[in-house]
Amino acid sequence: MASCITAAALSCSLVSFEELETCVSLFEEQTYCANQIVKIDFSICMDKASIENLISLKEDGSRVDARIDWLGSSCLVQARGGFMKGRKYILNVQGPAYAQDGRAYSVNIYREFIFGNAVDRFALNAVEEKKDARGDIECLLFTFNKAIDPATFEREFNVTPYIDLNKEYSNDFLTARVFPKDKWKANVFYAWKLANIVSADGVKIFKACEGSFLGAKKDKEPQLLKACPVIGKTFLEDESLDNLLERQSIGLVFDCEMSMESVKNGVYFTPTAQGHWDSDDMKRFVFTPYKNYLVETKYRLTISESVEDKWGIKVKDEKNICFLQKTNFIEIERLALNTKEITENQENKIKADEDAPAYFRIVFTKALDERSLLEVKNAVKFEGIFPQNIQSPRLNAITIINANTIELTYDNIKAADLGKECVYKLTIRGGENFIYNSMGEYLKEDKCYCISMEKN
């Protein structure tokens, strides 16, 4: 397209109103250009440097180096490295310029174009919000007019506020499906933007696209409906936690899907109980302890205000549930030495023959765990305490009569003459690691028996 520019000579002795005409190979209304060179014809031989200083070339808003050549009075402009298909360019040649004879002209050339042909255009055809039965958005579906390069979509697509996203593509890469790895936060408006992505054949998207949406709407806070014992996968909702057994799982039932991480971090026990959480549907959670609860110990189960549902809505108030495991401690029902019953906290006088073995039979109130029975020697200690030089007895045999009865045989026993003393002490150690059963119950504390042996 040609244009006419009138100029006046710089010298007062030279007056000229000769018009400068320009003809650009790219029309002003032309959207696409498939030629690598834009040609500008000048009707007057111009000073090349003054024209070149005016030339500005931008690609998608950023300045790029222009390669400039001359063919007579025609200026040839191209991007250094070549124009890129699908990219938007602006060629601007505006300002004062000079003819070779010194006359001054004002040049005004401005062109916007997309390199390539209309059929190469890469654009977003449609955006669809797919919703579930609740009316919440499951995913955003982006449909393009040509196959996309998924790598640039992964890099350039973004949502604010930030949320971790999954992206899936159709086999022909004409469609991209975007959805959260967890859930959209409730009552939050998200904004998405799509810019600088490229098609599979290297064409940049025609223009940046953006939009906003409400991912999920939720009017009320999540509620804890029940805390109860669990057997296997069965929630015993009619029973309270006071009926909890030694290492039984605890179930929490909520009225909506919850965030597993917030349950793990926001539900805790006092005193501490270590274990792991599981859930099949994110509404019903099961806590399984790694070891038995402490017997006759009051626990407090706390559901803190940091616990939230999958939409990011937190529980309204902290909730505390107290419970006491229903098991009891193991006690010693009967302790006999050589058939004579002995008791704690008093001196037990036993008559025996010199060097005769001592037979202790211990009956517990509950059946012991097999491991506890096999290791009972670590829990029972029989020693001499008076006179100072008395030797300690030697354990000779352990007999397991039944699950709650054991017999221990000791030799090297000394009995004192009349008027003298040989005093021994029998200790049965308490604590959860010594005398215990499969229910987690155990002998609470040490039991000590003082025994004075006298000769028959």
Protein backbone atom coordinates (compact mmCIF):
# COMPACT_ATOMS: atom_id res chain seq x y z
CA MET A 1 0.00 0.00 0.00
CA ALA A 2 1.42 3.38 -1.03
CA SER A 3 1.43 6.55 1.05
CA CYS A 4 2.50 10.12 0.22
CA ILE A 5 4.64 12.22 2.52
CA THR A 6 5.42 15.91 1.79
CA ALA A 7 8.79 17.30 2.80
CA ALA A 8 10.53 20.69 2.92
CA ALA A 9 14.25 21.15 2.30
CA LEU A 10 16.39 21.91 5.33
CA SER A 11 18.20 24.65 3.45
CA CYS A 12 16.35 27.91 2.96
CA SER A 13 17.94 28.25 -0.45
CA LEU A 14 16.28 24.95 -1.51
CA VAL A 15 12.57 24.80 -1.40
CA SER A 16 10.89 21.57 -2.50
CA PHE A 17 7.48 20.12 -1.90
CA GLU A 18 8.20 16.78 -3.54
CA GLU A 19 6.16 14.08 -1.86
CA LEU A 20 7.73 10.86 -0.48
CA GLU A 21 5.67 7.86 -1.36
CA THR A 22 6.02 4.49 0.41
CA CYS A 23 4.61 1.14 -0.57
CA VAL A 24 4.60 -1.73 1.98
CA SER A 25 4.22 -5.31 0.84
CA LEU A 26 1.88 -5.88 3.78
CA PHE A 27 -1.50 -4.15 3.75
CA GLU A 28 -2.72 -2.42 6.90
CA GLU A 29 -5.83 -4.60 7.13
CA GLN A 30 -3.91 -7.82 6.45
CA THR A 31 -4.00 -10.21 9.43
CA TYR A 32 -1.68 -12.97 8.17
CA CYS A 33 1.59 -12.83 6.29
CA ALA A 34 3.37 -15.85 4.89
CA ASN A 35 6.43 -14.05 3.49
CA GLN A 36 9.64 -13.99 5.49
CA ILE A 37 10.47 -10.50 4.17
CA VAL A 38 8.45 -7.30 4.48
CA LYS A 39 9.38 -4.95 1.65
CA ILE A 40 9.11 -1.17 1.97
CA ASP A 41 9.51 0.78 -1.30
CA PHE A 42 10.49 4.48 -1.10
CA SER A 43 9.83 6.79 -4.05
CA ILE A 44 12.90 8.84 -3.12
CA CYS A 45 16.36 7.54 -2.39
CA MET A 46 16.55 7.78 1.39
CA ASP A 47 19.44 7.96 3.77
CA LYS A 48 19.61 4.32 4.87
CA ALA A 49 20.86 4.97 8.39
CA SER A 50 18.00 7.38 9.17
CA ILE A 51 15.46 4.76 8.08
CA GLU A 52 17.15 1.86 9.87
CA ASN A 53 17.19 3.84 13.12
CA LEU A 54 13.38 4.05 12.96
CA ILE A 55 12.70 0.38 12.40
CA SER A 56 11.30 -1.53 15.41
CA LEU A 57 10.19 -5.16 15.29
CA LYS A 58 8.37 -6.94 18.13
CA GLU A 59 7.31 -10.57 18.54
CA ASP A 60 4.39 -11.14 20.95
CA GLY A 61 5.14 -7.82 22.60
CA SER A 62 8.89 -8.38 23.00
CA ARG A 63 11.44 -6.64 20.83
CA VAL A 64 13.38 -8.88 18.45
CA ASP A 65 16.41 -8.21 16.28
CA ALA A 66 15.54 -7.19 12.76
CA ARG A 67 17.67 -7.99 9.77
CA ILE A 68 17.62 -5.07 7.31
CA ASP A 69 18.78 -5.18 3.69
CA TRP A 70 18.42 -2.74 0.82
CA LEU A 71 17.61 -3.29 -2.81
CA GLY A 72 17.90 0.06 -4.50
CA SER A 73 15.42 2.35 -2.76
CA SER A 74 13.56 -0.61 -1.24
CA CYS A 75 14.14 -1.62 2.39
CA LEU A 76 13.81 -5.35 3.15
CA VAL A 77 12.92 -6.22 6.78
CA GLN A 78 12.84 -9.65 8.39
CA ALA A 79 13.30 -11.16 11.83
CA ARG A 80 16.82 -12.34 12.47
CA GLY A 81 16.46 -16.11 12.44
CA GLY A 82 13.17 -15.84 10.57
CA PHE A 83 9.56 -15.16 11.50
CA MET A 84 7.94 -17.93 13.59
CA LYS A 85 4.68 -19.47 12.46
CA GLY A 86 1.69 -18.40 14.52
CA ARG A 87 3.54 -15.59 16.31
CA LYS A 88 2.18 -12.06 16.32
CA TYR A 89 4.54 -9.34 15.02
CA ILE A 90 4.49 -5.54 15.02
CA LEU A 91 6.58 -3.59 12.51
CA ASN A 92 6.91 0.06 13.39
CA VAL A 93 8.75 2.65 11.26
CA GLN A 94 7.84 6.05 12.63
CA GLY A 95 9.72 9.31 13.00
CA PRO A 96 11.87 11.78 11.05
CA ALA A 97 14.01 10.46 8.20
CA TYR A 98 16.13 12.08 5.50
CA ALA A 99 16.55 11.76 1.78
CA GLN A 100 20.06 11.35 0.44
CA ASP A 101 20.02 15.04 -0.60
CA GLY A 102 19.22 16.10 3.00
CA ARG A 103 15.53 16.79 2.75
CA ALA A 104 13.58 15.85 5.88
CA TYR A 105 10.50 13.69 5.90
CA SER A 106 8.23 12.24 8.52
CA VAL A 107 7.72 8.50 8.06
CA ASN A 108 4.70 6.73 9.57
CA ILE A 109 4.45 2.99 8.93
CA TYR A 110 2.74 0.61 11.38
CA ARG A 111 1.81 -2.99 10.68
CA GLU A 112 0.50 -5.83 12.86
CA PHE A 113 0.42 -9.35 11.47
CA ILE A 114 0.53 -13.03 12.35
CA PHE A 115 3.13 -14.98 10.47
CA GLY A 116 1.69 -17.87 8.50
CA ASN A 117 -1.68 -18.57 6.96
CA ALA A 118 -5.19 -18.51 8.44
CA VAL A 119 -5.30 -22.31 8.37
CA ASP A 120 -2.27 -22.38 10.72
CA ARG A 121 -4.14 -20.42 13.40
CA PHE A 122 -4.03 -22.07 16.84
CA ALA A 123 -6.89 -21.11 19.14
CA LEU A 124 -8.96 -22.25 22.09
CA ASN A 125 -12.39 -23.20 20.76
CA ALA A 126 -14.26 -23.83 24.01
CA VAL A 127 -14.02 -24.16 27.79
CA GLU A 128 -16.55 -26.36 29.57
CA GLU A 129 -17.14 -26.80 33.30
CA LYS A 130 -18.07 -30.44 34.00
CA LYS A 131 -20.14 -30.74 37.20
CA ASP A 132 -21.06 -33.61 39.53
CA ALA A 133 -24.43 -34.43 41.07
CA ARG A 134 -23.85 -31.87 43.84
CA GLY A 135 -23.29 -29.13 41.29
CA ASP A 136 -19.58 -28.88 42.11
CA ILE A 137 -17.11 -28.66 39.28
CA GLU A 138 -15.36 -31.96 38.61
CA CYS A 139 -13.06 -30.65 35.91
CA LEU A 140 -12.40 -27.97 33.29
CA LEU A 141 -12.47 -29.20 29.70
CA PHE A 142 -10.42 -27.20 27.16
CA THR A 143 -11.00 -27.87 23.45
CA PHE A 144 -8.60 -26.52 20.81
CA ASN A 145 -8.84 -26.23 17.03
CA LYS A 146 -5.68 -28.30 16.59
CA ALA A 147 -3.51 -30.72 18.55
CA ILE A 148 -1.61 -29.11 21.41
CA ASP A 149 1.91 -29.63 22.68
CA PRO A 150 1.16 -31.05 26.17
CA ALA A 151 4.53 -30.00 27.55
CA THR A 152 3.75 -26.31 27.04
CA PHE A 153 0.23 -26.78 28.41
CA GLU A 154 1.69 -28.35 31.57
CA ARG A 155 4.09 -25.45 31.94
CA GLU A 156 1.92 -22.48 30.99
CA PHE A 157 -1.52 -23.32 32.37
CA ASN A 158 -1.98 -21.98 35.88
CA VAL A 159 -4.70 -21.48 38.46
CA THR A 160 -4.79 -19.01 41.36
CA PRO A 161 -5.02 -19.48 44.26
CA TYR A 162 -2.64 -22.40 43.83
CA ILE A 163 -4.01 -25.93 43.96
CA ASP A 164 -2.32 -29.19 42.97
CA LEU A 165 -3.76 -30.26 39.61
CA ASN A 166 -3.95 -33.29 37.35
CA LYS A 167 -4.07 -32.90 33.57
CA GLU A 168 -5.27 -35.49 31.09
CA TYR A 169 -5.36 -35.31 27.28
CA SER A 170 -7.46 -36.93 24.58
CA ASN A 171 -5.74 -39.29 22.19
CA ASP A 172 -5.72 -36.64 19.44
CA PHE A 173 -4.54 -33.93 21.91
CA LEU A 174 -7.40 -31.65 20.89
CA THR A 175 -8.80 -31.73 24.43
CA ALA A 176 -7.21 -31.14 27.82
CA ARG A 177 -9.00 -32.11 31.07
CA VAL A 178 -7.92 -30.31 34.24
CA PHE A 179 -9.01 -31.38 37.74
CA PRO A 180 -7.63 -31.15 41.29
CA LYS A 181 -5.69 -34.03 42.80
CA ASP A 182 -7.90 -33.70 45.86
CA LYS A 183 -10.89 -31.32 45.83
CA TRP A 184 -11.51 -27.71 44.94
CA LYS A 185 -11.62 -25.69 48.14
CA ALA A 186 -15.19 -24.80 49.05
CA ASN A 187 -16.46 -21.27 48.51
CA VAL A 188 -13.25 -20.19 46.74
CA PHE A 189 -13.22 -18.48 43.35
CA TYR A 190 -10.38 -19.70 41.16
CA ALA A 191 -8.89 -17.83 38.20
CA TRP A 192 -7.22 -19.67 35.34
CA LYS A 193 -4.99 -18.33 32.60
CA LEU A 194 -3.72 -19.92 29.44
CA ALA A 195 -0.96 -18.15 27.49
CA ASN A 196 2.11 -18.97 25.44
CA ILE A 197 1.11 -22.57 24.75
CA VAL A 198 2.09 -24.06 21.43
CA SER A 199 0.37 -26.49 19.07
CA ALA A 200 1.91 -29.80 18.08
CA ASP A 201 3.06 -28.23 14.81
CA GLY A 202 4.77 -25.33 16.58
CA VAL A 203 2.14 -22.56 16.30
CA LYS A 204 1.69 -20.30 19.29
CA ILE A 205 -1.84 -19.75 20.57
CA PHE A 206 -3.57 -16.83 18.87
CA LYS A 207 -4.27 -14.96 22.11
CA ALA A 208 -4.09 -15.47 25.87
CA CYS A 209 -7.27 -16.81 27.46
CA GLU A 210 -8.47 -16.55 31.02
CA GLY A 211 -11.52 -17.20 33.16
CA SER A 212 -12.78 -17.82 36.69
CA PHE A 213 -15.06 -20.28 38.45
CA LEU A 214 -16.39 -21.38 41.83
CA GLY A 215 -15.09 -24.91 42.30
CA ALA A 216 -17.40 -26.03 45.10
CA LYS A 217 -20.04 -24.49 47.29
CA LYS A 218 -20.58 -25.71 50.83
CA ASP A 219 -22.76 -24.11 53.48
CA LYS A 220 -21.90 -25.98 56.70
CA GLU A 221 -18.92 -27.26 58.63
CA PRO A 222 -18.14 -31.00 58.80
CA GLN A 223 -19.57 -32.85 61.79
CA LEU A 224 -18.24 -35.81 63.77
CA LEU A 225 -21.17 -38.20 64.02
CA LYS A 226 -19.66 -41.04 66.05
CA ALA A 227 -16.55 -42.35 67.79
CA CYS A 228 -16.76 -46.06 68.50
CA PRO A 229 -14.81 -49.35 68.69
CA VAL A 230 -14.06 -51.17 65.42
CA ILE A 231 -13.61 -54.89 64.78
CA GLY A 232 -12.11 -55.63 61.38
CA LYS A 233 -14.05 -53.21 59.17
CA THR A 234 -17.20 -53.23 61.31
CA PHE A 235 -17.97 -50.03 63.22
CA LEU A 236 -19.67 -50.90 66.54
CA GLU A 237 -21.69 -47.68 66.57
CA ASP A 238 -23.91 -48.76 69.45
CA GLU A 239 -20.91 -49.11 71.78
CA SER A 240 -18.85 -46.40 73.45
CA LEU A 241 -15.09 -46.20 73.65
CA ASP A 242 -15.33 -47.30 77.29
CA ASN A 243 -15.90 -50.79 75.88
CA LEU A 244 -12.57 -50.68 74.06
CA LEU A 245 -10.33 -53.73 74.33
CA GLU A 246 -6.54 -53.85 74.75
CA ARG A 247 -5.47 -53.05 71.19
CA GLN A 248 -8.79 -52.47 69.50
CA SER A 249 -9.19 -50.03 66.63
CA ILE A 250 -11.16 -46.81 67.06
CA GLY A 251 -13.55 -45.55 64.39
CA LEU A 252 -14.50 -41.93 63.64
CA VAL A 253 -17.56 -41.29 61.47
CA PHE A 254 -18.02 -37.87 59.79
CA ASP A 255 -20.96 -36.55 57.80
CA CYS A 256 -18.86 -35.78 54.70
CA GLU A 257 -15.56 -36.65 53.04
CA MET A 258 -12.59 -35.46 55.05
CA SER A 259 -8.94 -34.70 54.36
CA MET A 260 -6.82 -37.68 55.43
CA GLU A 261 -3.81 -35.47 56.20
CA SER A 262 -5.82 -33.19 58.47
CA VAL A 263 -7.23 -36.21 60.35
CA LYS A 264 -3.73 -37.67 60.79
CA ASN A 265 -2.34 -34.36 62.04
CA GLY A 266 -5.36 -33.00 63.90
CA VAL A 267 -6.63 -36.03 65.85
CA TYR A 268 -4.51 -37.08 68.81
CA PHE A 269 -4.56 -38.92 72.15
CA THR A 270 -3.60 -37.88 75.65
CA PRO A 271 -1.59 -39.75 76.87
CA THR A 272 -0.04 -40.44 73.49
CA ALA A 273 -1.14 -43.49 71.53
CA GLN A 274 0.84 -44.28 68.38
CA GLY A 275 -0.87 -45.94 65.44
CA HIS A 276 -1.96 -45.55 61.82
CA TRP A 277 -5.10 -44.24 60.08
CA ASP A 278 -7.06 -45.84 57.24
CA SER A 279 -10.25 -45.00 55.38
CA ASP A 280 -12.17 -46.60 52.54
CA ASP A 281 -14.47 -43.68 51.76
CA MET A 282 -12.90 -40.68 53.55
CA LYS A 283 -15.98 -40.46 55.79
CA ARG A 284 -15.23 -43.38 58.10
CA PHE A 285 -11.72 -43.43 59.56
CA VAL A 286 -10.07 -46.26 61.52
CA PHE A 287 -7.22 -45.74 63.98
CA THR A 288 -5.26 -48.92 64.76
CA PRO A 289 -2.77 -48.65 67.66
CA TYR A 290 0.72 -50.08 67.33
CA LYS A 291 0.58 -51.47 70.87
CA ASN A 292 -1.90 -51.98 73.68
CA TYR A 293 -3.54 -49.07 75.43
CA LEU A 294 -2.43 -48.54 79.01
CA VAL A 295 -4.73 -50.40 81.38
CA GLU A 296 -6.82 -48.47 83.88
CA THR A 297 -5.65 -45.25 82.23
CA LYS A 298 -8.04 -42.47 81.23
CA TYR A 299 -7.47 -41.33 77.65
CA ARG A 300 -8.64 -38.16 75.97
CA LEU A 301 -9.26 -38.33 72.22
CA THR A 302 -9.11 -34.83 70.71
CA ILE A 303 -10.51 -33.82 67.32
CA SER A 304 -8.90 -30.40 66.95
CA GLU A 305 -10.17 -27.38 65.00
CA SER A 306 -7.49 -28.00 62.34
CA VAL A 307 -9.38 -31.06 61.05
CA GLU A 308 -11.03 -30.18 57.74
CA ASP A 309 -13.12 -31.77 55.02
CA LYS A 310 -11.94 -32.31 51.45
CA TRP A 311 -13.22 -28.86 50.49
CA GLY A 312 -11.05 -27.14 53.10
CA ILE A 313 -13.85 -26.37 55.59
CA LYS A 314 -12.69 -26.90 59.18
CA VAL A 315 -14.73 -28.39 62.01
CA LYS A 316 -16.43 -25.68 64.04
CA ASP A 317 -15.21 -26.56 67.53
CA GLU A 318 -12.63 -28.82 69.12
CA LYS A 319 -14.16 -32.03 70.42
CA ASN A 320 -12.79 -34.15 73.28
CA ILE A 321 -13.88 -37.71 74.04
CA CYS A 322 -12.63 -39.40 77.21
CA PHE A 323 -12.54 -43.15 77.65
CA LEU A 324 -11.08 -45.76 79.98
CA GLN A 325 -10.02 -49.17 78.74
CA LYS A 326 -12.21 -51.73 80.45
CA THR A 327 -9.39 -54.20 81.22
CA ASN A 328 -7.92 -54.56 84.74
CA PHE A 329 -4.50 -55.37 86.15
CA ILE A 330 -3.40 -58.92 86.80
CA GLU A 331 -3.17 -59.85 90.45
CA ILE A 332 -1.57 -62.75 92.35
CA GLU A 333 -4.44 -64.91 93.57
CA ARG A 334 -2.31 -67.28 95.67
CA LEU A 335 1.37 -67.84 96.42
CA ALA A 336 2.54 -70.95 98.31
CA LEU A 337 5.96 -72.19 99.42
CA ASN A 338 6.07 -75.92 100.04
CA THR A 339 2.25 -75.93 100.16
CA LYS A 340 2.14 -73.17 102.81
CA GLU A 341 0.54 -69.95 101.65
CA ILE A 342 2.64 -66.83 102.07
CA THR A 343 1.49 -63.22 102.01
CA GLU A 344 2.93 -59.85 101.17
CA ASN A 345 3.95 -57.20 103.71
CA GLN A 346 4.61 -59.57 106.59
CA GLU A 347 7.23 -62.05 107.68
CA ASN A 348 6.42 -65.58 106.56
CA LYS A 349 8.02 -68.29 108.77
CA ILE A 350 8.57 -71.57 106.96
CA LYS A 351 9.98 -74.75 108.54
CA ALA A 352 12.10 -76.86 106.24
CA ASP A 353 14.77 -79.51 106.27
CA GLU A 354 18.37 -78.40 105.79
CA ASP A 355 19.28 -78.19 102.06
CA ALA A 356 15.79 -79.28 101.06
CA PRO A 357 14.52 -77.69 97.79
CA ALA A 358 11.90 -74.93 97.91
CA TYR A 359 8.79 -75.19 95.73
CA PHE A 360 6.95 -71.96 94.91
CA ARG A 361 3.54 -72.20 93.28
CA ILE A 362 2.16 -68.89 91.94
CA VAL A 363 -1.45 -68.60 90.81
CA PHE A 364 -2.41 -65.47 88.84
CA THR A 365 -5.93 -64.09 88.50
CA LYS A 366 -5.78 -64.32 84.70
CA ALA A 367 -4.23 -66.58 82.09
CA LEU A 368 -0.82 -65.30 80.99
CA ASP A 369 0.41 -64.82 77.47
CA GLU A 370 2.56 -67.70 76.25
CA ARG A 371 5.60 -65.44 75.89
CA SER A 372 5.19 -64.24 79.46
CA LEU A 373 5.05 -67.82 80.72
CA LEU A 374 8.17 -68.81 78.82
CA GLU A 375 10.11 -65.81 80.16
CA VAL A 376 8.81 -65.92 83.73
CA LYS A 377 12.34 -66.51 85.09
CA ASN A 378 13.07 -62.86 84.22
CA ALA A 379 10.13 -61.73 86.32
CA VAL A 380 10.77 -63.75 89.50
CA LYS A 381 13.79 -63.29 91.77
CA PHE A 382 14.51 -65.29 94.94
CA GLU A 383 17.51 -64.12 96.98
CA GLY A 384 19.04 -64.37 100.41
CA ILE A 385 19.22 -61.16 102.43
CA PHE A 386 20.28 -62.24 106.00
CA PRO A 387 22.78 -63.05 107.34
CA GLN A 388 25.12 -61.07 105.14
CA ASN A 389 27.07 -64.11 103.99
CA ILE A 390 24.04 -66.14 103.03
CA GLN A 391 24.13 -67.47 99.51
CA SER A 392 21.25 -66.88 97.10
CA PRO A 393 19.20 -69.90 96.07
CA ARG A 394 19.64 -71.43 92.67
CA LEU A 395 16.69 -71.80 90.27
CA ASN A 396 16.51 -75.44 89.34
CA ALA A 397 13.25 -75.81 87.38
CA ILE A 398 10.16 -73.99 86.12
CA THR A 399 6.96 -75.94 85.60
CA ILE A 400 3.96 -74.45 83.80
CA ILE A 401 0.93 -76.07 85.43
CA ASN A 402 -1.58 -74.17 83.30
CA ALA A 403 -1.96 -70.72 81.72
CA ASN A 404 -2.29 -68.93 85.06
CA THR A 405 -0.24 -71.21 87.34
CA ILE A 406 3.52 -71.77 87.47
CA GLU A 407 5.82 -73.66 89.86
CA LEU A 408 9.45 -72.72 90.48
CA THR A 409 11.91 -75.05 92.20
CA TYR A 410 14.98 -73.65 94.01
CA ASP A 411 17.83 -75.45 95.75
CA ASN A 412 20.78 -74.27 97.84
CA ILE A 413 18.34 -73.25 100.59
CA LYS A 414 19.58 -72.83 104.16
CA ALA A 415 17.39 -73.09 107.24
CA ALA A 416 18.39 -71.50 110.53
CA ASP A 417 18.76 -73.22 113.90
CA LEU A 418 16.42 -72.24 116.68
CA GLY A 419 17.01 -68.65 117.80
CA LYS A 420 18.74 -67.73 114.53
CA GLU A 421 17.46 -66.46 111.20
CA CYS A 422 17.92 -67.17 107.51
CA VAL A 423 15.87 -64.57 105.67
CA TYR A 424 15.03 -64.63 101.98
CA LYS A 425 13.11 -62.29 99.70
CA LEU A 426 10.94 -63.31 96.75
CA THR A 427 10.22 -60.55 94.23
CA ILE A 428 7.75 -60.80 91.36
CA ARG A 429 8.37 -57.87 89.08
CA GLY A 430 5.53 -55.63 87.90
CA GLY A 431 5.19 -53.67 84.67
CA GLU A 432 3.88 -54.40 81.19
CA ASN A 433 7.03 -56.27 80.08
CA PHE A 434 7.01 -59.04 82.71
CA ILE A 435 3.76 -60.65 83.86
CA TYR A 436 1.14 -59.96 81.15
CA ASN A 437 -1.60 -61.57 79.08
CA SER A 438 -2.75 -61.36 75.48
CA MET A 439 -5.24 -58.61 76.39
CA GLY A 440 -2.44 -56.26 77.36
CA GLU A 441 -3.18 -56.55 81.06
CA TYR A 442 -0.21 -56.90 83.38
CA LEU A 443 0.95 -57.01 86.97
CA LYS A 444 0.92 -53.34 87.94
CA GLU A 445 3.81 -53.21 90.44
CA ASP A 446 6.44 -55.35 92.14
CA LYS A 447 5.23 -57.86 94.71
CA CYS A 448 7.71 -58.60 97.53
CA TYR A 449 7.55 -61.44 100.07
CA CYS A 450 9.81 -61.82 103.10
CA ILE A 451 10.46 -65.45 104.11
CA SER A 452 12.29 -66.73 107.22
CA MET A 453 13.48 -70.35 106.92
CA GLU A 454 13.74 -72.40 110.10
CA LYS A 455 14.90 -75.98 110.56
CA ASN A 456 12.32 -78.59 111.33
